């Protein structure tokens, strides 16, 4: 038999209106009364009618977290941290908690918009969009319009690891400083004496790709390293296979290169595998550097030089912002710094 709100009220010896106030958290209730209601909820195993509740309120108890690829540690770490922050402090009882749902877009702009539409229909309390954005004017316009409508309906919108979206009603933007990170990484290689540096970039249409590459090229320009062979760049995906194939292409274009900078740590591992298969030693023959400082980077052999992004901390903060547990940064935008982690995969180039 289905347990009703009236059943809970009878067990707790309060009115149905009081039970509703406790479960919706929209009216102050005495602590002893709240505890009595929640105990009755537990004893009767009462389940709040989510759709009906969301119709009565501006939003539901749903929070959407959009990622490109949940299998990629870059996104998995942020999504897991955000989900933990969203659930932190919950009692496990009906009332006040939020259900965090991870939506895997596969990098598809169509899926990104579809998930936002589905979350909009469910009157999601908040959405968190992680990772770089697609640099396509039509998609940017569609995203801006969609997020504006969601914000107007009461949905909190948080960008985590994404650049700001001007003209959009976003509660908070946590943007990684990819340009500075890319610049510091290449400056490190130049300081070691490298001049023939290959670069394995991500997909051309992604903001993360452009910003990291801009930082890399800024360091080359500042050091007086010109175009041509010393600025060889190959674009690919953010996966290991792309790193492997791109490293072979870089060696074909410039057999004398002494260092490879990769779009991320996963790509860097693919590049390392390609170099080993060619009989080259890292870093004696070719230095390799990545980006993100994913958990496996320090355990790679040799340990991978990379740029650390505080992915877990950013995810936690995004979750807190989505739940209203933390005030938005001044102006709604916070730039999160990137730290160079110099390890054994980079060294001065071999003489001669």
Protein backbone atom coordinates (compact mmCIF):
# COMPACT_ATOMS: atom_id res chain seq x y z
CA UNK A 1 0.00 0.00 0.00
CA UNK A 2 1.34 3.46 -0.90
CA UNK A 3 2.25 5.62 2.08
CA UNK A 4 0.74 9.11 1.87
CA UNK A 5 1.61 12.48 3.35
CA UNK A 6 -1.40 12.08 5.65
CA UNK A 7 0.04 8.80 6.98
CA UNK A 8 3.29 10.55 7.87
CA UNK A 9 1.36 13.37 9.55
CA UNK A 10 -0.64 10.89 11.64
CA UNK A 11 2.52 9.01 12.71
CA UNK A 12 4.32 12.23 13.64
CA UNK A 13 1.24 13.71 15.30
CA UNK A 14 1.38 16.89 13.24
CA UNK A 15 -0.67 18.40 10.42
CA UNK A 16 -0.05 17.49 6.75
CA UNK A 17 0.96 21.12 6.21
CA UNK A 18 3.77 20.74 8.77
CA UNK A 19 5.01 17.58 7.05
CA UNK A 20 5.05 19.47 3.74
CA UNK A 21 7.03 22.32 5.29
CA UNK A 22 9.63 19.92 6.67
CA UNK A 23 10.04 18.04 3.40
CA UNK A 24 10.17 21.12 1.21
CA UNK A 25 12.34 23.12 3.59
CA UNK A 26 10.48 26.30 2.70
CA UNK A 27 9.25 27.30 6.17
CA UNK A 28 10.89 27.28 9.62
CA UNK A 29 9.87 24.32 11.80
CA UNK A 30 10.93 23.60 15.38
CA UNK A 31 13.86 21.17 15.59
CA UNK A 32 11.94 18.64 17.71
CA UNK A 33 9.00 18.71 15.30
CA UNK A 34 11.30 18.34 12.28
CA UNK A 35 13.01 15.34 13.90
CA UNK A 36 9.65 13.72 14.67
CA UNK A 37 8.50 14.15 11.06
CA UNK A 38 11.73 12.78 9.62
CA UNK A 39 11.59 9.81 11.98
CA UNK A 40 8.07 9.06 10.73
CA UNK A 41 9.34 9.37 7.13
CA UNK A 42 12.03 6.76 7.90
CA UNK A 43 9.69 4.40 9.73
CA UNK A 44 7.06 4.47 7.00
CA UNK A 45 9.61 4.61 4.15
CA UNK A 46 7.73 7.54 2.66
CA UNK A 47 8.92 8.75 -0.74
CA UNK A 48 8.26 12.37 -1.69
CA UNK A 49 6.50 12.78 -5.03
CA UNK A 50 9.29 14.56 -6.91
CA UNK A 51 7.36 15.64 -10.04
CA UNK A 52 4.43 16.93 -8.01
CA UNK A 53 6.76 18.74 -5.63
CA UNK A 54 8.63 20.41 -8.48
CA UNK A 55 5.35 21.60 -10.00
CA UNK A 56 4.45 23.26 -6.71
CA UNK A 57 7.90 24.82 -6.33
CA UNK A 58 10.06 26.78 -8.76
CA UNK A 59 12.59 23.95 -9.05
CA UNK A 60 13.00 20.26 -8.22
CA UNK A 61 15.55 18.33 -6.17
CA UNK A 62 17.57 17.49 -9.31
CA UNK A 63 21.06 18.79 -10.15
CA UNK A 64 22.62 18.02 -13.53
CA UNK A 65 26.40 17.74 -14.02
CA UNK A 66 27.40 17.80 -17.70
CA UNK A 67 30.71 16.19 -18.70
CA UNK A 68 32.31 15.35 -22.04
CA UNK A 69 33.52 11.90 -20.98
CA UNK A 70 33.01 10.49 -17.49
CA UNK A 71 35.72 7.87 -18.21
CA UNK A 72 38.26 10.69 -18.58
CA UNK A 73 39.75 11.39 -15.12
CA UNK A 74 39.72 15.13 -15.89
CA UNK A 75 35.92 15.08 -15.91
CA UNK A 76 35.46 12.20 -13.49
CA UNK A 77 37.37 13.96 -10.71
CA UNK A 78 35.39 17.19 -11.08
CA UNK A 79 32.03 15.41 -11.36
CA UNK A 80 32.72 13.17 -8.37
CA UNK A 81 33.83 16.10 -6.23
CA UNK A 82 30.80 18.18 -7.23
CA UNK A 83 28.45 15.29 -6.50
CA UNK A 84 29.99 14.80 -3.05
CA UNK A 85 29.63 18.49 -2.27
CA UNK A 86 26.00 18.47 -3.40
CA UNK A 87 25.25 15.58 -1.07
CA UNK A 88 27.34 16.85 1.86
CA UNK A 89 25.34 17.49 5.00
CA UNK A 90 22.30 15.53 3.82
CA UNK A 91 20.60 13.25 6.32
CA UNK A 92 19.66 10.59 3.80
CA UNK A 93 16.01 11.33 4.58
CA UNK A 94 13.36 12.96 2.42
CA UNK A 95 13.60 16.73 2.53
CA UNK A 96 16.37 19.11 1.56
CA UNK A 97 18.67 16.72 -0.31
CA UNK A 98 19.44 17.00 -4.02
CA UNK A 99 19.88 14.22 -6.55
CA UNK A 100 22.99 14.81 -8.67
CA UNK A 101 22.84 13.25 -12.14
CA UNK A 102 25.93 13.05 -14.36
CA UNK A 103 25.15 13.60 -18.06
CA UNK A 104 27.80 12.27 -20.45
CA UNK A 105 27.70 14.32 -23.68
CA UNK A 106 30.52 12.53 -25.49
CA UNK A 107 31.68 15.96 -26.62
CA UNK A 108 28.57 16.31 -28.82
CA UNK A 109 27.08 19.82 -28.93
CA UNK A 110 23.69 18.30 -29.78
CA UNK A 111 23.79 16.05 -26.71
CA UNK A 112 24.82 19.00 -24.55
CA UNK A 113 21.72 20.95 -25.59
CA UNK A 114 19.51 17.86 -25.32
CA UNK A 115 20.58 17.20 -21.73
CA UNK A 116 19.96 20.83 -20.81
CA UNK A 117 16.49 20.60 -22.33
CA UNK A 118 15.74 17.44 -20.33
CA UNK A 119 16.99 19.09 -17.14
CA UNK A 120 14.90 22.15 -17.96
CA UNK A 121 11.79 19.99 -18.27
CA UNK A 122 12.53 18.50 -14.86
CA UNK A 123 12.91 21.99 -13.38
CA UNK A 124 16.45 21.18 -12.24
CA UNK A 125 17.54 23.16 -9.21
CA UNK A 126 21.01 23.60 -10.71
CA UNK A 127 23.26 22.61 -13.59
CA UNK A 128 27.05 22.41 -13.59
CA UNK A 129 28.82 22.46 -16.95
CA UNK A 130 32.40 21.17 -16.83
CA UNK A 131 35.36 21.42 -19.19
CA UNK A 132 36.06 23.54 -22.25
CA UNK A 133 33.39 24.95 -24.51
CA UNK A 134 32.85 24.49 -28.24
CA UNK A 135 33.89 27.54 -30.27
CA UNK A 136 31.00 27.58 -32.71
CA UNK A 137 28.89 30.76 -32.97
CA UNK A 138 25.61 28.90 -33.54
CA UNK A 139 26.18 26.57 -30.61
CA UNK A 140 27.26 29.44 -28.36
CA UNK A 141 24.08 31.34 -29.23
CA UNK A 142 21.91 28.27 -28.58
CA UNK A 143 23.65 27.58 -25.25
CA UNK A 144 23.33 31.19 -24.13
CA UNK A 145 19.61 31.22 -24.90
CA UNK A 146 19.01 27.87 -23.19
CA UNK A 147 20.92 28.79 -20.02
CA UNK A 148 19.22 32.18 -19.87
CA UNK A 149 15.78 30.52 -19.93
CA UNK A 150 16.82 28.05 -17.25
CA UNK A 151 18.20 30.80 -15.03
CA UNK A 152 15.00 32.81 -15.44
CA UNK A 153 13.04 29.76 -14.26
CA UNK A 154 15.12 29.55 -11.08
CA UNK A 155 17.89 27.12 -12.07
CA UNK A 156 21.35 27.90 -10.71
CA UNK A 157 23.96 27.71 -13.48
CA UNK A 158 27.64 27.06 -12.66
CA UNK A 159 30.50 26.74 -15.14
CA UNK A 160 33.44 24.68 -13.87
CA UNK A 161 36.63 24.64 -15.91
CA UNK A 162 34.90 26.69 -18.61
CA UNK A 163 35.60 30.22 -19.78
CA UNK A 164 32.94 32.85 -19.03
CA UNK A 165 29.89 33.16 -21.30
CA UNK A 166 29.22 36.90 -21.70
CA UNK A 167 25.56 37.87 -21.72
CA UNK A 168 24.43 34.66 -20.03
CA UNK A 169 22.74 34.48 -16.63
CA UNK A 170 25.39 32.29 -15.01
CA UNK A 171 25.58 32.25 -11.21
CA UNK A 172 29.31 31.55 -11.13
CA UNK A 173 32.18 30.73 -13.48
CA UNK A 174 35.26 28.84 -12.28
CA UNK A 175 37.75 29.18 -15.15
CA UNK A 176 41.10 27.39 -15.29
CA UNK A 177 44.05 29.57 -16.28
CA UNK A 178 45.04 27.38 -19.23
CA UNK A 179 47.01 30.11 -21.01
CA UNK A 180 49.29 30.70 -18.04
CA UNK A 181 49.70 26.96 -17.50
CA UNK A 182 50.66 26.41 -21.14
CA UNK A 183 53.11 29.30 -21.02
CA UNK A 184 54.83 28.08 -17.86
CA UNK A 185 55.21 24.58 -19.22
CA UNK A 186 56.93 25.73 -22.40
CA UNK A 187 59.04 28.26 -20.47
CA UNK A 188 60.28 25.34 -18.36
CA UNK A 189 61.41 23.45 -21.48
CA UNK A 190 63.05 26.55 -22.94
CA UNK A 191 64.90 27.15 -19.68
CA UNK A 192 66.27 23.60 -19.92
CA UNK A 193 67.68 24.48 -23.34
CA UNK A 194 65.06 23.08 -25.71
CA UNK A 195 64.47 24.90 -28.99
CA UNK A 196 62.95 22.18 -31.19
CA UNK A 197 59.64 21.62 -29.43
CA UNK A 198 56.69 19.74 -30.93
CA UNK A 199 53.17 20.33 -29.69
CA UNK A 200 50.29 17.83 -29.62
CA UNK A 201 47.14 19.95 -29.42
CA UNK A 202 43.54 18.93 -28.74
CA UNK A 203 40.56 19.44 -31.06
CA UNK A 204 40.72 22.79 -32.85
CA UNK A 205 37.17 23.83 -31.95
CA UNK A 206 37.63 23.65 -28.14
CA UNK A 207 38.44 26.63 -25.92
CA UNK A 208 40.79 24.55 -23.78
CA UNK A 209 42.83 23.64 -26.86
CA UNK A 210 43.13 27.24 -28.03
CA UNK A 211 44.03 28.68 -24.63
CA UNK A 212 46.75 26.13 -23.87
CA UNK A 213 48.22 26.50 -27.35
CA UNK A 214 48.19 30.29 -27.04
CA UNK A 215 50.19 30.02 -23.81
CA UNK A 216 52.70 27.69 -25.47
CA UNK A 217 53.18 30.01 -28.43
CA UNK A 218 53.48 33.07 -26.20
CA UNK A 219 56.44 31.42 -24.45
CA UNK A 220 58.08 30.61 -27.79
CA UNK A 221 57.62 34.15 -29.05
CA UNK A 222 59.04 35.65 -25.85
CA UNK A 223 62.12 33.43 -26.25
CA UNK A 224 62.60 34.48 -29.86
CA UNK A 225 61.87 31.04 -31.25
CA UNK A 226 60.44 31.49 -34.74
CA UNK A 227 57.88 29.68 -36.84
CA UNK A 228 58.69 26.66 -38.94
CA UNK A 229 60.15 23.43 -37.58
CA UNK A 230 60.40 24.82 -34.05
CA UNK A 231 56.65 25.40 -33.91
CA UNK A 232 55.36 22.10 -35.20
CA UNK A 233 51.80 21.50 -34.02
CA UNK A 234 49.55 18.49 -34.61
CA UNK A 235 45.87 18.51 -33.58
CA UNK A 236 43.99 15.45 -32.37
CA UNK A 237 41.68 14.19 -29.65
CA UNK A 238 42.28 14.19 -25.91
CA UNK A 239 42.93 10.43 -25.87
CA UNK A 240 46.00 8.19 -25.72
CA UNK A 241 45.76 7.05 -29.34
CA UNK A 242 45.83 10.65 -30.57
CA UNK A 243 49.00 11.25 -28.57
CA UNK A 244 50.64 8.16 -30.04
CA UNK A 245 49.80 9.04 -33.64
CA UNK A 246 50.66 12.72 -33.23
CA UNK A 247 54.09 11.96 -31.75
CA UNK A 248 54.95 9.81 -34.76
CA UNK A 249 53.81 12.61 -37.07
CA UNK A 250 55.94 15.14 -35.18
CA UNK A 251 59.00 12.91 -35.51
CA UNK A 252 58.30 12.55 -39.23
CA UNK A 253 58.15 16.32 -39.65
CA UNK A 254 61.17 17.02 -37.46
CA UNK A 255 63.36 14.00 -36.62
CA UNK A 256 65.60 16.28 -34.53
CA UNK A 257 62.97 17.60 -32.11
CA UNK A 258 64.05 17.35 -28.47
CA UNK A 259 60.75 17.88 -26.63
CA UNK A 260 57.01 17.24 -27.00
CA UNK A 261 54.31 19.14 -25.16
CA UNK A 262 50.97 17.31 -25.02
CA UNK A 263 47.44 18.67 -24.71
CA UNK A 264 46.86 16.66 -21.53
CA UNK A 265 48.41 13.84 -19.49
CA UNK A 266 46.53 11.08 -21.33
CA UNK A 267 47.82 12.37 -24.67
CA UNK A 268 51.31 12.62 -23.15
CA UNK A 269 51.25 8.93 -22.20
CA UNK A 270 50.38 8.06 -25.80
CA UNK A 271 53.29 10.17 -27.00
CA UNK A 272 55.62 8.40 -24.55
CA UNK A 273 54.52 5.02 -25.91
CA UNK A 274 55.23 6.12 -29.48
CA UNK A 275 58.71 7.34 -28.54
CA UNK A 276 59.52 4.08 -26.78
CA UNK A 277 58.32 2.09 -29.80
CA UNK A 278 60.74 4.12 -31.91
CA UNK A 279 63.57 3.16 -29.56
CA UNK A 280 63.89 6.63 -28.03
CA UNK A 281 64.59 7.19 -24.33
CA UNK A 282 62.63 9.72 -22.25
CA UNK A 283 63.98 12.26 -21.39
CA UNK A 284 67.49 11.52 -22.73
CA UNK A 285 66.41 11.65 -26.37
CA UNK A 286 63.08 13.49 -26.12
CA UNK A 287 61.48 15.24 -23.14
CA UNK A 288 57.71 14.91 -22.74
CA UNK A 289 55.28 17.12 -20.80
CA UNK A 290 51.53 16.90 -20.21
CA UNK A 291 48.78 18.99 -18.64
CA UNK A 292 46.23 18.54 -15.77
CA UNK A 293 48.35 16.43 -13.33
CA UNK A 294 45.94 13.50 -13.36
CA UNK A 295 46.49 10.87 -10.62
CA UNK A 296 48.63 8.59 -12.80
CA UNK A 297 51.05 11.34 -13.87
CA UNK A 298 53.35 11.01 -10.87
CA UNK A 299 53.43 7.20 -11.23
CA UNK A 300 54.33 7.21 -14.93
CA UNK A 301 57.87 6.04 -15.75
CA UNK A 302 59.54 8.45 -15.82
CA UNK A 303 57.24 10.65 -13.70
CA UNK A 304 55.47 13.10 -15.99
CA UNK A 305 56.19 16.82 -15.97
CA UNK A 306 52.81 18.51 -16.16
CA UNK A 307 50.65 21.41 -15.05
CA UNK A 308 48.48 20.82 -12.01
CA UNK A 309 44.89 21.97 -12.13
CA UNK A 310 43.01 21.66 -8.80
CA UNK A 311 40.25 19.54 -10.33
CA UNK A 312 38.87 18.15 -7.07
CA UNK A 313 38.84 21.52 -5.35
CA UNK A 314 37.13 23.12 -8.35
CA UNK A 315 34.48 20.38 -8.39
CA UNK A 316 33.77 20.81 -4.68
CA UNK A 317 33.45 24.54 -5.08
CA UNK A 318 31.12 24.12 -8.07
CA UNK A 319 28.91 21.81 -6.02
CA UNK A 320 28.78 24.25 -3.15
CA UNK A 321 27.91 27.11 -5.49
CA UNK A 322 25.17 25.01 -7.09
CA UNK A 323 23.67 24.34 -3.66
CA UNK A 324 23.94 27.95 -2.51
CA UNK A 325 26.38 26.94 0.25
CA UNK A 326 28.98 29.41 -1.01
CA UNK A 327 28.62 32.96 -2.25
CA UNK A 328 29.55 33.53 -5.91
CA UNK A 329 32.95 35.18 -6.49
CA UNK A 330 33.09 38.95 -7.12
CA UNK A 331 31.68 39.61 -10.57
CA UNK A 332 30.63 35.97 -10.76
CA UNK A 333 33.99 34.85 -12.18
CA UNK A 334 36.96 33.21 -10.46
CA UNK A 335 40.17 32.31 -12.29
CA UNK A 336 41.78 29.16 -10.90
CA UNK A 337 45.55 29.08 -11.15
CA UNK A 338 47.74 26.40 -12.73
CA UNK A 339 50.94 25.08 -11.10
CA UNK A 340 53.96 23.68 -12.94
CA UNK A 341 55.01 20.23 -11.70
CA UNK A 342 58.54 19.60 -13.02
CA UNK A 343 59.37 15.89 -12.90
CA UNK A 344 61.67 13.35 -14.47
CA UNK A 345 60.15 13.25 -17.98
CA UNK A 346 61.84 16.55 -18.88
CA UNK A 347 65.58 17.27 -18.86
CA UNK A 348 68.10 19.35 -20.83
CA UNK A 349 68.50 18.16 -24.43
CA UNK A 350 71.39 15.83 -25.17
CA UNK A 351 74.47 17.59 -26.49
CA UNK A 352 75.36 17.04 -30.12
